[in-house]
PDB file of all heavy atoms in Angstrom:
ATOM      1  N   ASP A   1     -16.404   4.173  -8.241  1.00  0.00           N
ATOM      2  CA  ASP A   1     -17.270   5.339  -8.371  1.00  0.00           C
ATOM      3  C   ASP A   1     -16.713   6.568  -7.651  1.00  0.00           C
ATOM      4  O   ASP A   1     -17.148   7.693  -7.923  1.00  0.00           O
ATOM      5  CB  ASP A   1     -18.666   5.027  -7.828  1.00  0.00           C
ATOM      6  CG  ASP A   1     -19.427   4.043  -8.704  1.00  0.00           C
ATOM      7  OD1 ASP A   1     -19.017   3.866  -9.874  1.00  0.00           O
ATOM      8  OD2 ASP A   1     -20.405   3.443  -8.223  1.00  0.00           O
ATOM      9  N   ARG A   2     -15.772   6.372  -6.750  1.00  0.00           N
ATOM     10  CA  ARG A   2     -15.190   7.486  -6.018  1.00  0.00           C
ATOM     11  C   ARG A   2     -14.040   8.139  -6.774  1.00  0.00           C
ATOM     12  O   ARG A   2     -13.618   9.241  -6.429  1.00  0.00           O
ATOM     13  CB  ARG A   2     -14.691   7.021  -4.643  1.00  0.00           C
ATOM     14  CG  ARG A   2     -15.776   6.447  -3.754  1.00  0.00           C
ATOM     15  CD  ARG A   2     -15.234   6.072  -2.387  1.00  0.00           C
ATOM     16  NE  ARG A   2     -14.807   7.247  -1.630  1.00  0.00           N
ATOM     17  CZ  ARG A   2     -14.334   7.198  -0.391  1.00  0.00           C
ATOM     18  NH1 ARG A   2     -14.203   6.025   0.228  1.00  0.00           N
ATOM     19  NH2 ARG A   2     -13.983   8.305   0.233  1.00  0.00           N
ATOM     20  N   ILE A   3     -13.517   7.455  -7.784  1.00  0.00           N
ATOM     21  CA  ILE A   3     -12.364   7.976  -8.517  1.00  0.00           C
ATOM     22  C   ILE A   3     -12.813   9.024  -9.529  1.00  0.00           C
ATOM     23  O   ILE A   3     -13.661   8.749 -10.382  1.00  0.00           O
ATOM     24  CB  ILE A   3     -11.612   6.838  -9.235  1.00  0.00           C
ATOM     25  CG1 ILE A   3     -11.174   5.771  -8.220  1.00  0.00           C
ATOM     26  CG2 ILE A   3     -10.401   7.385  -9.982  1.00  0.00           C
ATOM     27  CD1 ILE A   3     -10.560   4.539  -8.865  1.00  0.00           C
ATOM     28  N   GLN A   4     -12.246  10.203  -9.440  1.00  0.00           N
ATOM     29  CA  GLN A   4     -12.593  11.291 -10.347  1.00  0.00           C
ATOM     30  C   GLN A   4     -11.544  11.514 -11.434  1.00  0.00           C
ATOM     31  O   GLN A   4     -11.864  11.969 -12.533  1.00  0.00           O
ATOM     32  CB  GLN A   4     -12.775  12.596  -9.549  1.00  0.00           C
ATOM     33  CG  GLN A   4     -13.873  12.521  -8.499  1.00  0.00           C
ATOM     34  CD  GLN A   4     -15.232  12.248  -9.106  1.00  0.00           C
ATOM     35  OE1 GLN A   4     -15.621  12.872 -10.097  1.00  0.00           O
ATOM     36  NE2 GLN A   4     -15.956  11.294  -8.523  1.00  0.00           N
ATOM     37  N   VAL A   5     -10.287  11.214 -11.111  1.00  0.00           N
ATOM     38  CA  VAL A   5      -9.183  11.541 -12.017  1.00  0.00           C
ATOM     39  C   VAL A   5      -8.370  10.298 -12.344  1.00  0.00           C
ATOM     40  O   VAL A   5      -7.971   9.553 -11.438  1.00  0.00           O
ATOM     41  CB  VAL A   5      -8.248  12.597 -11.391  1.00  0.00           C
ATOM     42  CG1 VAL A   5      -7.052  12.884 -12.318  1.00  0.00           C
ATOM     43  CG2 VAL A   5      -9.014  13.887 -11.110  1.00  0.00           C
ATOM     44  N   LEU A   6      -8.141  10.059 -13.628  1.00  0.00           N
ATOM     45  CA  LEU A   6      -7.145   9.082 -14.049  1.00  0.00           C
ATOM     46  C   LEU A   6      -5.820   9.839 -14.085  1.00  0.00           C
ATOM     47  O   LEU A   6      -5.635  10.712 -14.929  1.00  0.00           O
ATOM     48  CB  LEU A   6      -7.470   8.522 -15.428  1.00  0.00           C
ATOM     49  CG  LEU A   6      -6.412   7.563 -15.987  1.00  0.00           C
ATOM     50  CD1 LEU A   6      -6.505   6.199 -15.292  1.00  0.00           C
ATOM     51  CD2 LEU A   6      -6.547   7.411 -17.493  1.00  0.00           C
ATOM     52  N   PRO A   7      -4.876   9.549 -13.180  1.00  0.00           N
ATOM     53  CA  PRO A   7      -3.689  10.389 -13.061  1.00  0.00           C
ATOM     54  C   PRO A   7      -2.550   9.971 -13.987  1.00  0.00           C
ATOM     55  O   PRO A   7      -2.485   8.829 -14.461  1.00  0.00           O
ATOM     56  CB  PRO A   7      -3.277  10.160 -11.605  1.00  0.00           C
ATOM     57  CG  PRO A   7      -3.646   8.726 -11.376  1.00  0.00           C
ATOM     58  CD  PRO A   7      -4.943   8.518 -12.152  1.00  0.00           C
ATOM     59  N   ASN A   8      -1.663  10.909 -14.210  1.00  0.00           N
ATOM     60  CA  ASN A   8      -0.342  10.576 -14.728  1.00  0.00           C
ATOM     61  C   ASN A   8       0.448  10.079 -13.513  1.00  0.00           C
ATOM     62  O   ASN A   8       0.531  10.765 -12.502  1.00  0.00           O
ATOM     63  CB  ASN A   8       0.326  11.818 -15.332  1.00  0.00           C
ATOM     64  CG  ASN A   8       1.710  11.527 -15.884  1.00  0.00           C
ATOM     65  OD1 ASN A   8       2.576  11.021 -15.172  1.00  0.00           O
ATOM     66  ND2 ASN A   8       1.927  11.869 -17.131  1.00  0.00           N
ATOM     67  N   THR A   9       1.009   8.876 -13.602  1.00  0.00           N
ATOM     68  CA  THR A   9       1.615   8.263 -12.413  1.00  0.00           C
ATOM     69  C   THR A   9       3.116   8.525 -12.276  1.00  0.00           C
ATOM     70  O   THR A   9       3.763   7.942 -11.405  1.00  0.00           O
ATOM     71  CB  THR A   9       1.372   6.741 -12.421  1.00  0.00           C
ATOM     72  OG1 THR A   9       1.886   6.176 -13.640  1.00  0.00           O
ATOM     73  CG2 THR A   9      -0.103   6.425 -12.276  1.00  0.00           C
ATOM     74  N   ALA A  10       3.662   9.401 -13.106  1.00  0.00           N
ATOM     75  CA  ALA A  10       5.112   9.636 -13.060  1.00  0.00           C
ATOM     76  C   ALA A  10       5.567  10.134 -11.690  1.00  0.00           C
ATOM     77  O   ALA A  10       6.590   9.690 -11.162  1.00  0.00           O
ATOM     78  CB  ALA A  10       5.519  10.632 -14.152  1.00  0.00           C
ATOM     79  N   LYS A  11       4.828  11.065 -11.092  1.00  0.00           N
ATOM     80  CA  LYS A  11       5.220  11.572  -9.776  1.00  0.00           C
ATOM     81  C   LYS A  11       5.156  10.485  -8.714  1.00  0.00           C
ATOM     82  O   LYS A  11       6.018  10.401  -7.833  1.00  0.00           O
ATOM     83  CB  LYS A  11       4.322  12.740  -9.367  1.00  0.00           C
ATOM     84  CG  LYS A  11       4.549  14.026 -10.140  1.00  0.00           C
ATOM     85  CD  LYS A  11       3.642  15.126  -9.619  1.00  0.00           C
ATOM     86  CE  LYS A  11       3.864  16.425 -10.381  1.00  0.00           C
ATOM     87  NZ  LYS A  11       2.968  17.511  -9.889  1.00  0.00           N
ATOM     88  N   ALA A  12       4.135   9.667  -8.785  1.00  0.00           N
ATOM     89  CA  ALA A  12       3.992   8.585  -7.806  1.00  0.00           C
ATOM     90  C   ALA A  12       5.144   7.601  -7.921  1.00  0.00           C
ATOM     91  O   ALA A  12       5.705   7.153  -6.915  1.00  0.00           O
ATOM     92  CB  ALA A  12       2.650   7.882  -8.002  1.00  0.00           C
ATOM     93  N   HIS A  13       5.527   7.259  -9.142  1.00  0.00           N
ATOM     94  CA  HIS A  13       6.640   6.338  -9.328  1.00  0.00           C
ATOM     95  C   HIS A  13       7.958   6.979  -8.900  1.00  0.00           C
ATOM     96  O   HIS A  13       8.817   6.318  -8.302  1.00  0.00           O
ATOM     97  CB  HIS A  13       6.719   5.889 -10.781  1.00  0.00           C
ATOM     98  CG  HIS A  13       5.691   4.867 -11.149  1.00  0.00           C
ATOM     99  ND1 HIS A  13       5.617   3.637 -10.537  1.00  0.00           N
ATOM    100  CD2 HIS A  13       4.689   4.898 -12.064  1.00  0.00           C
ATOM    101  CE1 HIS A  13       4.626   2.938 -11.071  1.00  0.00           C
ATOM    102  NE2 HIS A  13       4.042   3.687 -11.987  1.00  0.00           N
ATOM    103  N   ALA A  14       8.122   8.273  -9.202  1.00  0.00           N
ATOM    104  CA  ALA A  14       9.349   8.959  -8.791  1.00  0.00           C
ATOM    105  C   ALA A  14       9.479   8.965  -7.275  1.00  0.00           C
ATOM    106  O   ALA A  14      10.565   8.756  -6.723  1.00  0.00           O
ATOM    107  CB  ALA A  14       9.361  10.392  -9.333  1.00  0.00           C
ATOM    108  N   LEU A  15       8.373   9.207  -6.589  1.00  0.00           N
ATOM    109  CA  LEU A  15       8.378   9.183  -5.132  1.00  0.00           C
ATOM    110  C   LEU A  15       8.714   7.794  -4.618  1.00  0.00           C
ATOM    111  O   LEU A  15       9.552   7.634  -3.717  1.00  0.00           O
ATOM    112  CB  LEU A  15       7.012   9.617  -4.604  1.00  0.00           C
ATOM    113  CG  LEU A  15       6.780   9.445  -3.097  1.00  0.00           C
ATOM    114  CD1 LEU A  15       7.764  10.290  -2.297  1.00  0.00           C
ATOM    115  CD2 LEU A  15       5.342   9.814  -2.744  1.00  0.00           C
ATOM    116  N   MET A  16       8.077   6.799  -5.168  1.00  0.00           N
ATOM    117  CA  MET A  16       8.313   5.435  -4.717  1.00  0.00           C
ATOM    118  C   MET A  16       9.780   5.044  -4.867  1.00  0.00           C
ATOM    119  O   MET A  16      10.371   4.417  -3.986  1.00  0.00           O
ATOM    120  CB  MET A  16       7.406   4.489  -5.507  1.00  0.00           C
ATOM    121  CG  MET A  16       7.452   3.032  -5.086  1.00  0.00           C
ATOM    122  SD  MET A  16       8.788   2.088  -5.869  1.00  0.00           S
ATOM    123  CE  MET A  16       8.357   2.261  -7.605  1.00  0.00           C
ATOM    124  N   GLU A  17      10.384   5.460  -5.956  1.00  0.00           N
ATOM    125  CA  GLU A  17      11.762   5.074  -6.215  1.00  0.00           C
ATOM    126  C   GLU A  17      12.769   5.855  -5.375  1.00  0.00           C
ATOM    127  O   GLU A  17      13.927   5.442  -5.259  1.00  0.00           O
ATOM    128  CB  GLU A  17      12.050   5.200  -7.714  1.00  0.00           C
ATOM    129  CG  GLU A  17      11.300   4.132  -8.513  1.00  0.00           C
ATOM    130  CD  GLU A  17      11.211   4.425  -9.991  1.00  0.00           C
ATOM    131  OE1 GLU A  17      11.823   5.415 -10.440  1.00  0.00           O
ATOM    132  OE2 GLU A  17      10.537   3.659 -10.696  1.00  0.00           O
ATOM    133  N   ARG A  18      12.338   6.957  -4.801  1.00  0.00           N
ATOM    134  CA  ARG A  18      13.200   7.710  -3.891  1.00  0.00           C
ATOM    135  C   ARG A  18      13.092   7.197  -2.462  1.00  0.00           C
ATOM    136  O   ARG A  18      13.895   7.560  -1.602  1.00  0.00           O
ATOM    137  CB  ARG A  18      12.813   9.191  -3.925  1.00  0.00           C
ATOM    138  CG  ARG A  18      13.119   9.884  -5.241  1.00  0.00           C
ATOM    139  CD  ARG A  18      12.551  11.297  -5.255  1.00  0.00           C
ATOM    140  NE  ARG A  18      13.125  12.127  -4.209  1.00  0.00           N
ATOM    141  CZ  ARG A  18      12.656  13.333  -3.882  1.00  0.00           C
ATOM    142  NH1 ARG A  18      11.589  13.801  -4.494  1.00  0.00           N
ATOM    143  NH2 ARG A  18      13.231  14.045  -2.952  1.00  0.00           N
ATOM    144  N   ALA A  19      12.110   6.380  -2.191  1.00  0.00           N
ATOM    145  CA  ALA A  19      11.871   5.893  -0.836  1.00  0.00           C
ATOM    146  C   ALA A  19      12.906   4.869  -0.428  1.00  0.00           C
ATOM    147  O   ALA A  19      13.471   4.151  -1.261  1.00  0.00           O
ATOM    148  CB  ALA A  19      10.471   5.287  -0.739  1.00  0.00           C
ATOM    149  N   ASP A  20      13.137   4.798   0.868  1.00  0.00           N
ATOM    150  CA  ASP A  20      13.984   3.757   1.426  1.00  0.00           C
ATOM    151  C   ASP A  20      13.393   2.402   1.053  1.00  0.00           C
ATOM    152  O   ASP A  20      12.175   2.196   1.174  1.00  0.00           O
ATOM    153  CB  ASP A  20      14.039   3.912   2.948  1.00  0.00           C
ATOM    154  CG  ASP A  20      14.980   2.911   3.592  1.00  0.00           C
ATOM    155  OD1 ASP A  20      14.648   1.710   3.597  1.00  0.00           O
ATOM    156  OD2 ASP A  20      16.030   3.328   4.094  1.00  0.00           O
ATOM    157  N   PRO A  21      14.222   1.450   0.588  1.00  0.00           N
ATOM    158  CA  PRO A  21      13.697   0.142   0.180  1.00  0.00           C
ATOM    159  C   PRO A  21      12.845  -0.527   1.252  1.00  0.00           C
ATOM    160  O   PRO A  21      11.884  -1.241   0.938  1.00  0.00           O
ATOM    161  CB  PRO A  21      14.963  -0.670  -0.113  1.00  0.00           C
ATOM    162  CG  PRO A  21      15.972   0.364  -0.524  1.00  0.00           C
ATOM    163  CD  PRO A  21      15.670   1.563   0.330  1.00  0.00           C
ATOM    164  N   ALA A  22      13.170  -0.284   2.514  1.00  0.00           N
ATOM    165  CA  ALA A  22      12.406  -0.913   3.597  1.00  0.00           C
ATOM    166  C   ALA A  22      10.979  -0.388   3.676  1.00  0.00           C
ATOM    167  O   ALA A  22      10.110  -1.048   4.251  1.00  0.00           O
ATOM    168  CB  ALA A  22      13.114  -0.680   4.931  1.00  0.00           C
ATOM    169  N   ARG A  23      10.725   0.797   3.105  1.00  0.00           N
ATOM    170  CA  ARG A  23       9.390   1.392   3.167  1.00  0.00           C
ATOM    171  C   ARG A  23       8.652   1.340   1.838  1.00  0.00           C
ATOM    172  O   ARG A  23       7.514   1.779   1.749  1.00  0.00           O
ATOM    173  CB  ARG A  23       9.483   2.846   3.646  1.00  0.00           C
ATOM    174  CG  ARG A  23       9.888   2.996   5.105  1.00  0.00           C
ATOM    175  CD  ARG A  23       9.806   4.453   5.542  1.00  0.00           C
ATOM    176  NE  ARG A  23       9.971   4.587   6.973  1.00  0.00           N
ATOM    177  CZ  ARG A  23      11.134   4.717   7.591  1.00  0.00           C
ATOM    178  NH1 ARG A  23      12.253   4.714   6.884  1.00  0.00           N
ATOM    179  NH2 ARG A  23      11.213   4.828   8.902  1.00  0.00           N
ATOM    180  N   GLN A  24       9.298   0.816   0.817  1.00  0.00           N
ATOM    181  CA  GLN A  24       8.682   0.830  -0.503  1.00  0.00           C
ATOM    182  C   GLN A  24       7.372   0.049  -0.546  1.00  0.00           C
ATOM    183  O   GLN A  24       6.381   0.530  -1.101  1.00  0.00           O
ATOM    184  CB  GLN A  24       9.650   0.289  -1.555  1.00  0.00           C
ATOM    185  CG  GLN A  24      10.615   1.309  -2.093  1.00  0.00           C
ATOM    186  CD  GLN A  24      11.302   0.845  -3.354  1.00  0.00           C
ATOM    187  OE1 GLN A  24      11.265  -0.333  -3.712  1.00  0.00           O
ATOM    188  NE2 GLN A  24      11.944   1.769  -4.043  1.00  0.00           N
ATOM    189  N   ALA A  25       7.367  -1.150   0.016  1.00  0.00           N
ATOM    190  CA  ALA A  25       6.157  -1.974  -0.055  1.00  0.00           C
ATOM    191  C   ALA A  25       4.989  -1.286   0.639  1.00  0.00           C
ATOM    192  O   ALA A  25       3.855  -1.302   0.132  1.00  0.00           O
ATOM    193  CB  ALA A  25       6.415  -3.341   0.570  1.00  0.00           C
ATOM    194  N   LYS A  26       5.264  -0.664   1.784  1.00  0.00           N
ATOM    195  CA  LYS A  26       4.205   0.042   2.510  1.00  0.00           C
ATOM    196  C   LYS A  26       3.701   1.230   1.710  1.00  0.00           C
ATOM    197  O   LYS A  26       2.489   1.483   1.634  1.00  0.00           O
ATOM    198  CB  LYS A  26       4.725   0.511   3.863  1.00  0.00           C
ATOM    199  CG  LYS A  26       3.673   1.204   4.724  1.00  0.00           C
ATOM    200  CD  LYS A  26       4.242   1.575   6.090  1.00  0.00           C
ATOM    201  CE  LYS A  26       3.171   2.236   6.963  1.00  0.00           C
ATOM    202  NZ  LYS A  26       3.713   2.606   8.301  1.00  0.00           N
ATOM    203  N   LEU A  27       4.617   1.961   1.074  1.00  0.00           N
ATOM    204  CA  LEU A  27       4.228   3.125   0.277  1.00  0.00           C
ATOM    205  C   LEU A  27       3.437   2.706  -0.950  1.00  0.00           C
ATOM    206  O   LEU A  27       2.422   3.324  -1.286  1.00  0.00           O
ATOM    207  CB  LEU A  27       5.475   3.909  -0.132  1.00  0.00           C
ATOM    208  CG  LEU A  27       5.225   5.166  -0.981  1.00  0.00           C
ATOM    209  CD1 LEU A  27       4.374   6.184  -0.223  1.00  0.00           C
ATOM    210  CD2 LEU A  27       6.550   5.792  -1.418  1.00  0.00           C
ATOM    211  N   VAL A  28       3.891   1.653  -1.629  1.00  0.00           N
ATOM    212  CA  VAL A  28       3.176   1.154  -2.806  1.00  0.00           C
ATOM    213  C   VAL A  28       1.745   0.800  -2.424  1.00  0.00           C
ATOM    214  O   VAL A  28       0.786   1.186  -3.110  1.00  0.00           O
ATOM    215  CB  VAL A  28       3.907  -0.065  -3.402  1.00  0.00           C
ATOM    216  CG1 VAL A  28       3.009  -0.791  -4.409  1.00  0.00           C
ATOM    217  CG2 VAL A  28       5.194   0.362  -4.081  1.00  0.00           C
ATOM    218  N   ASP A  29       1.586   0.070  -1.327  1.00  0.00           N
ATOM    219  CA  ASP A  29       0.250  -0.337  -0.892  1.00  0.00           C
ATOM    220  C   ASP A  29      -0.596   0.876  -0.525  1.00  0.00           C
ATOM    221  O   ASP A  29      -1.794   0.938  -0.841  1.00  0.00           O
ATOM    222  CB  ASP A  29       0.363  -1.277   0.305  1.00  0.00           C
ATOM    223  CG  ASP A  29      -0.927  -2.041   0.548  1.00  0.00           C
ATOM    224  OD1 ASP A  29      -1.129  -3.108  -0.066  1.00  0.00           O
ATOM    225  OD2 ASP A  29      -1.747  -1.561   1.360  1.00  0.00           O
ATOM    226  N   ARG A  30       0.028   1.873   0.126  1.00  0.00           N
ATOM    227  CA  ARG A  30      -0.740   3.060   0.549  1.00  0.00           C
ATOM    228  C   ARG A  30      -1.221   3.867  -0.648  1.00  0.00           C
ATOM    229  O   ARG A  30      -2.355   4.372  -0.657  1.00  0.00           O
ATOM    230  CB  ARG A  30       0.118   3.939   1.471  1.00  0.00           C
ATOM    231  CG  ARG A  30      -0.650   5.139   2.023  1.00  0.00           C
ATOM    232  CD  ARG A  30      -1.746   4.690   2.968  1.00  0.00           C
ATOM    233  NE  ARG A  30      -2.631   5.782   3.364  1.00  0.00           N
ATOM    234  CZ  ARG A  30      -3.792   6.045   2.802  1.00  0.00           C
ATOM    235  NH1 ARG A  30      -4.232   5.309   1.767  1.00  0.00           N
ATOM    236  NH2 ARG A  30      -4.543   7.041   3.238  1.00  0.00           N
ATOM    237  N   ILE A  31      -0.388   4.000  -1.661  1.00  0.00           N
ATOM    238  CA  ILE A  31      -0.802   4.743  -2.849  1.00  0.00           C
ATOM    239  C   ILE A  31      -1.913   3.993  -3.578  1.00  0.00           C
ATOM    240  O   ILE A  31      -2.904   4.595  -4.028  1.00  0.00           O
ATOM    241  CB  ILE A  31       0.397   5.012  -3.780  1.00  0.00           C
ATOM    242  CG1 ILE A  31       1.405   5.946  -3.086  1.00  0.00           C
ATOM    243  CG2 ILE A  31      -0.073   5.648  -5.098  1.00  0.00           C
ATOM    244  CD1 ILE A  31       2.679   6.167  -3.880  1.00  0.00           C
ATOM    245  N   PHE A  32      -1.772   2.684  -3.683  1.00  0.00           N
ATOM    246  CA  PHE A  32      -2.826   1.871  -4.290  1.00  0.00           C
ATOM    247  C   PHE A  32      -4.160   2.069  -3.569  1.00  0.00           C
ATOM    248  O   PHE A  32      -5.203   2.279  -4.202  1.00  0.00           O
ATOM    249  CB  PHE A  32      -2.453   0.392  -4.241  1.00  0.00           C
ATOM    250  CG  PHE A  32      -1.729  -0.116  -5.453  1.00  0.00           C
ATOM    251  CD1 PHE A  32      -0.597  -0.911  -5.315  1.00  0.00           C
ATOM    252  CD2 PHE A  32      -2.181   0.164  -6.729  1.00  0.00           C
ATOM    253  CE1 PHE A  32       0.067  -1.408  -6.424  1.00  0.00           C
ATOM    254  CE2 PHE A  32      -1.523  -0.325  -7.858  1.00  0.00           C
ATOM    255  CZ  PHE A  32      -0.400  -1.113  -7.684  1.00  0.00           C
ATOM    256  N   THR A  33      -4.159   1.945  -2.250  1.00  0.00           N
ATOM    257  CA  THR A  33      -5.415   2.034  -1.513  1.00  0.00           C
ATOM    258  C   THR A  33      -5.990   3.448  -1.563  1.00  0.00           C
ATOM    259  O   THR A  33      -7.221   3.611  -1.608  1.00  0.00           O
ATOM    260  CB  THR A  33      -5.237   1.591  -0.055  1.00  0.00           C
ATOM    261  OG1 THR A  33      -4.222   2.385   0.583  1.00  0.00           O
ATOM    262  CG2 THR A  33      -4.839   0.132   0.027  1.00  0.00           C
ATOM    263  N   ALA A  34      -5.119   4.452  -1.563  1.00  0.00           N
ATOM    264  CA  ALA A  34      -5.607   5.823  -1.667  1.00  0.00           C
ATOM    265  C   ALA A  34      -6.343   6.029  -2.987  1.00  0.00           C
ATOM    266  O   ALA A  34      -7.379   6.711  -3.037  1.00  0.00           O
ATOM    267  CB  ALA A  34      -4.439   6.808  -1.554  1.00  0.00           C
ATOM    268  N   TYR A  35      -5.839   5.430  -4.038  1.00  0.00           N
ATOM    269  CA  TYR A  35      -6.446   5.598  -5.355  1.00  0.00           C
ATOM    270  C   TYR A  35      -7.705   4.747  -5.526  1.00  0.00           C
ATOM    271  O   TYR A  35      -8.799   5.265  -5.810  1.00  0.00           O
ATOM    272  CB  TYR A  35      -5.419   5.241  -6.434  1.00  0.00           C
ATOM    273  CG  TYR A  35      -5.924   5.396  -7.850  1.00  0.00           C
ATOM    274  CD1 TYR A  35      -6.406   6.618  -8.309  1.00  0.00           C
ATOM    275  CD2 TYR A  35      -5.906   4.332  -8.740  1.00  0.00           C
ATOM    276  CE1 TYR A  35      -6.871   6.772  -9.606  1.00  0.00           C
ATOM    277  CE2 TYR A  35      -6.354   4.469 -10.041  1.00  0.00           C
ATOM    278  CZ  TYR A  35      -6.846   5.687 -10.467  1.00  0.00           C
ATOM    279  OH  TYR A  35      -7.304   5.826 -11.760  1.00  0.00           O
ATOM    280  N   PHE A  36      -7.575   3.449  -5.314  1.00  0.00           N
ATOM    281  CA  PHE A  36      -8.659   2.532  -5.646  1.00  0.00           C
ATOM    282  C   PHE A  36      -9.725   2.401  -4.563  1.00  0.00           C
ATOM    283  O   PHE A  36     -10.852   2.014  -4.858  1.00  0.00           O
ATOM    284  CB  PHE A  36      -8.098   1.149  -5.971  1.00  0.00           C
ATOM    285  CG  PHE A  36      -7.510   1.043  -7.347  1.00  0.00           C
ATOM    286  CD1 PHE A  36      -6.166   0.793  -7.515  1.00  0.00           C
ATOM    287  CD2 PHE A  36      -8.292   1.200  -8.474  1.00  0.00           C
ATOM    288  CE1 PHE A  36      -5.614   0.691  -8.788  1.00  0.00           C
ATOM    289  CE2 PHE A  36      -7.765   1.113  -9.748  1.00  0.00           C
ATOM    290  CZ  PHE A  36      -6.415   0.854  -9.908  1.00  0.00           C
ATOM    291  N   LEU A  37      -9.385   2.700  -3.313  1.00  0.00           N
ATOM    292  CA  LEU A  37     -10.363   2.552  -2.248  1.00  0.00           C
ATOM    293  C   LEU A  37     -10.895   3.887  -1.747  1.00  0.00           C
ATOM    294  O   LEU A  37     -12.023   3.968  -1.276  1.00  0.00           O
ATOM    295  CB  LEU A  37      -9.773   1.774  -1.063  1.00  0.00           C
ATOM    296  CG  LEU A  37      -9.744   0.245  -1.190  1.00  0.00           C
ATOM    297  CD1 LEU A  37      -8.836  -0.205  -2.327  1.00  0.00           C
ATOM    298  CD2 LEU A  37      -9.299  -0.394   0.115  1.00  0.00           C
ATOM    299  N   GLU A  38     -10.073   4.950  -1.879  1.00  0.00           N
ATOM    300  CA  GLU A  38     -10.461   6.260  -1.355  1.00  0.00           C
ATOM    301  C   GLU A  38     -10.727   7.288  -2.446  1.00  0.00           C
ATOM    302  O   GLU A  38     -11.239   8.369  -2.164  1.00  0.00           O
ATOM    303  CB  GLU A  38      -9.377   6.776  -0.414  1.00  0.00           C
ATOM    304  CG  GLU A  38      -9.086   5.842   0.758  1.00  0.00           C
ATOM    305  CD  GLU A  38      -7.815   6.210   1.498  1.00  0.00           C
ATOM    306  OE1 GLU A  38      -7.287   7.317   1.280  1.00  0.00           O
ATOM    307  OE2 GLU A  38      -7.339   5.381   2.300  1.00  0.00           O
ATOM    308  N   GLY A  39     -10.370   6.969  -3.680  1.00  0.00           N
ATOM    309  CA  GLY A  39     -10.616   7.890  -4.790  1.00  0.00           C
ATOM    310  C   GLY A  39      -9.716   9.103  -4.808  1.00  0.00           C
ATOM    311  O   GLY A  39     -10.062  10.131  -5.411  1.00  0.00           O
ATOM    312  N   LYS A  40      -8.527   9.029  -4.204  1.00  0.00           N
ATOM    313  CA  LYS A  40      -7.612  10.164  -4.172  1.00  0.00           C
ATOM    314  C   LYS A  40      -6.892  10.313  -5.512  1.00  0.00           C
ATOM    315  O   LYS A  40      -6.667   9.332  -6.231  1.00  0.00           O
ATOM    316  CB  LYS A  40      -6.571   9.990  -3.065  1.00  0.00           C
ATOM    317  CG  LYS A  40      -7.147   9.784  -1.676  1.00  0.00           C
ATOM    318  CD  LYS A  40      -7.958  10.985  -1.211  1.00  0.00           C
ATOM    319  CE  LYS A  40      -8.439  10.782   0.221  1.00  0.00           C
ATOM    320  NZ  LYS A  40      -9.323  11.896   0.676  1.00  0.00           N
ATOM    321  N   ASP A  41      -6.526  11.547  -5.833  1.00  0.00           N
ATOM    322  CA  ASP A  41      -5.768  11.830  -7.049  1.00  0.00           C
ATOM    323  C   ASP A  41      -4.286  11.611  -6.742  1.00  0.00           C
ATOM    324  O   ASP A  41      -3.609  12.486  -6.210  1.00  0.00           O
ATOM    325  CB  ASP A  41      -6.010  13.269  -7.509  1.00  0.00           C
ATOM    326  CG  ASP A  41      -5.220  13.625  -8.767  1.00  0.00           C
ATOM    327  OD1 ASP A  41      -4.537  12.735  -9.323  1.00  0.00           O
ATOM    328  OD2 ASP A  41      -5.261  14.807  -9.172  1.00  0.00           O
TER     329      ASP A  41
END
């Protein structure tokens, strides 16, 4: 109910793929939680 926007995820994927491999899992989880738990765009 907090989610207002269904986003185009191209920017999120581009960011994830530019990240250091050691931080990818943390970034993936953070983007997921920002979207599904916090309703962020």
